[in-house]
């Protein structure tokens, strides 16, 4: 295995771990991301291998990982991304954007609660 590939996988695991820790600290198992916030876009490949630009709408904790509910930017169709090997869950940049969006949501909620 390419040394950079292993480092990328480790980075993705670390980011997912931080997402899970943030969700656990706020006692939730899923987070809804709204379009009017700062949307997070990922590429999801459909069954025929065609790329779809999608916005992330829901992040759900599943064991030691996460799943994403994404909405196709053009068709509006919803898809569920479950495999850590799919591009949407294997890209550290996109995972970091998801982490930042979730962090912003919890910061807003905690600020409103005060």
Protein backbone atom coordinates (compact mmCIF):
# COMPACT_ATOMS: atom_id res chain seq x y z
CA UNK A 1 0.00 0.00 0.00
CA UNK A 2 1.22 3.45 -0.87
CA UNK A 3 2.48 5.24 2.25
CA UNK A 4 0.38 8.31 1.47
CA UNK A 5 -2.75 6.18 1.05
CA UNK A 6 -2.36 4.82 4.59
CA UNK A 7 -1.80 8.34 5.95
CA UNK A 8 -4.94 9.56 4.15
CA UNK A 9 -6.97 6.67 5.58
CA UNK A 10 -5.64 7.44 9.07
CA UNK A 11 -6.52 11.12 8.64
CA UNK A 12 -10.05 10.20 7.52
CA UNK A 13 -10.41 7.90 10.54
CA UNK A 14 -9.26 10.71 12.83
CA UNK A 15 -11.75 13.19 11.35
CA UNK A 16 -14.60 10.67 11.59
CA UNK A 17 -13.56 10.03 15.20
CA UNK A 18 -13.80 13.74 15.93
CA UNK A 19 -17.23 13.92 14.28
CA UNK A 20 -18.41 11.01 16.45
CA UNK A 21 -16.92 12.57 19.60
CA UNK A 22 -18.65 15.86 18.86
CA UNK A 23 -21.97 14.10 18.33
CA UNK A 24 -21.53 12.08 21.52
CA UNK A 25 -20.60 15.19 23.52
CA UNK A 26 -23.88 16.74 22.36
CA UNK A 27 -25.89 13.54 23.00
CA UNK A 28 -27.05 13.04 19.42
CA UNK A 29 -26.71 10.18 16.96
CA UNK A 30 -27.55 12.23 13.87
CA UNK A 31 -27.16 15.81 12.69
CA UNK A 32 -29.21 17.53 10.00
CA UNK A 33 -27.31 20.01 7.83
CA UNK A 34 -29.55 22.66 6.29
CA UNK A 35 -29.02 24.18 2.85
CA UNK A 36 -29.33 27.70 4.21
CA UNK A 37 -26.32 27.09 6.42
CA UNK A 38 -22.96 26.68 4.75
CA UNK A 39 -23.72 23.61 2.58
CA UNK A 40 -21.17 20.85 2.24
CA UNK A 41 -20.85 19.32 -1.22
CA UNK A 42 -19.42 15.90 -2.03
CA UNK A 43 -19.23 13.72 -5.12
CA UNK A 44 -21.19 10.48 -4.99
CA UNK A 45 -20.99 7.85 -7.72
CA UNK A 46 -24.25 6.17 -8.68
CA UNK A 47 -24.71 2.50 -9.62
CA UNK A 48 -23.53 3.14 -13.18
CA UNK A 49 -20.42 4.96 -11.98
CA UNK A 50 -21.62 8.41 -12.97
CA UNK A 51 -20.55 11.20 -10.61
CA UNK A 52 -23.25 13.23 -8.87
CA UNK A 53 -22.51 16.48 -7.07
CA UNK A 54 -24.52 16.26 -3.87
CA UNK A 55 -25.08 18.32 -0.76
CA UNK A 56 -24.84 16.56 2.60
CA UNK A 57 -28.14 16.71 4.50
CA UNK A 58 -27.73 14.26 7.34
CA UNK A 59 -24.82 12.66 9.18
CA UNK A 60 -25.62 9.59 11.26
CA UNK A 61 -23.36 7.81 13.74
CA UNK A 62 -23.18 4.09 13.01
CA UNK A 63 -20.89 2.14 15.33
CA UNK A 64 -17.39 3.50 14.83
CA UNK A 65 -18.28 5.23 11.58
CA UNK A 66 -20.77 7.56 9.97
CA UNK A 67 -23.22 7.44 7.10
CA UNK A 68 -24.28 10.39 4.99
CA UNK A 69 -27.60 11.26 3.45
CA UNK A 70 -26.86 13.33 0.37
CA UNK A 71 -29.08 15.10 -2.16
CA UNK A 72 -28.19 15.31 -5.84
CA UNK A 73 -27.71 18.97 -6.79
CA UNK A 74 -29.41 18.53 -10.19
CA UNK A 75 -32.12 15.87 -9.74
CA UNK A 76 -32.88 16.43 -6.06
CA UNK A 77 -32.77 12.66 -5.44
CA UNK A 78 -31.56 11.47 -2.03
CA UNK A 79 -28.88 8.83 -1.59
CA UNK A 80 -27.31 7.16 1.41
CA UNK A 81 -23.52 6.85 1.49
CA UNK A 82 -22.54 4.01 3.79
CA UNK A 83 -19.14 2.68 2.74
CA UNK A 84 -16.00 4.36 3.97
CA UNK A 85 -14.50 3.49 0.58
CA UNK A 86 -16.95 5.70 -1.33
CA UNK A 87 -15.45 9.04 -2.36
CA UNK A 88 -17.78 11.06 -0.12
CA UNK A 89 -16.46 9.27 2.99
CA UNK A 90 -12.87 8.76 1.82
CA UNK A 91 -11.98 12.37 1.07
CA UNK A 92 -10.36 14.12 4.06
CA UNK A 93 -11.18 17.59 2.71
CA UNK A 94 -14.90 16.81 2.52
CA UNK A 95 -14.87 15.06 5.89
CA UNK A 96 -13.21 18.12 7.41
CA UNK A 97 -15.91 20.35 5.89
CA UNK A 98 -18.56 18.08 7.43
CA UNK A 99 -16.79 18.30 10.80
CA UNK A 100 -16.66 22.11 10.58
CA UNK A 101 -20.36 22.32 9.62
CA UNK A 102 -21.37 20.10 12.55
CA UNK A 103 -19.14 22.06 14.91
CA UNK A 104 -20.77 25.32 13.73
CA UNK A 105 -24.24 23.88 14.34
CA UNK A 106 -23.37 22.89 17.91
CA UNK A 107 -21.66 26.23 18.58
CA UNK A 108 -24.83 28.02 17.46
CA UNK A 109 -27.07 25.79 19.59
CA UNK A 110 -24.86 26.18 22.64
CA UNK A 111 -24.73 29.96 22.16
CA UNK A 112 -28.52 30.13 21.85
CA UNK A 113 -28.93 28.02 25.00
CA UNK A 114 -26.86 30.49 27.03
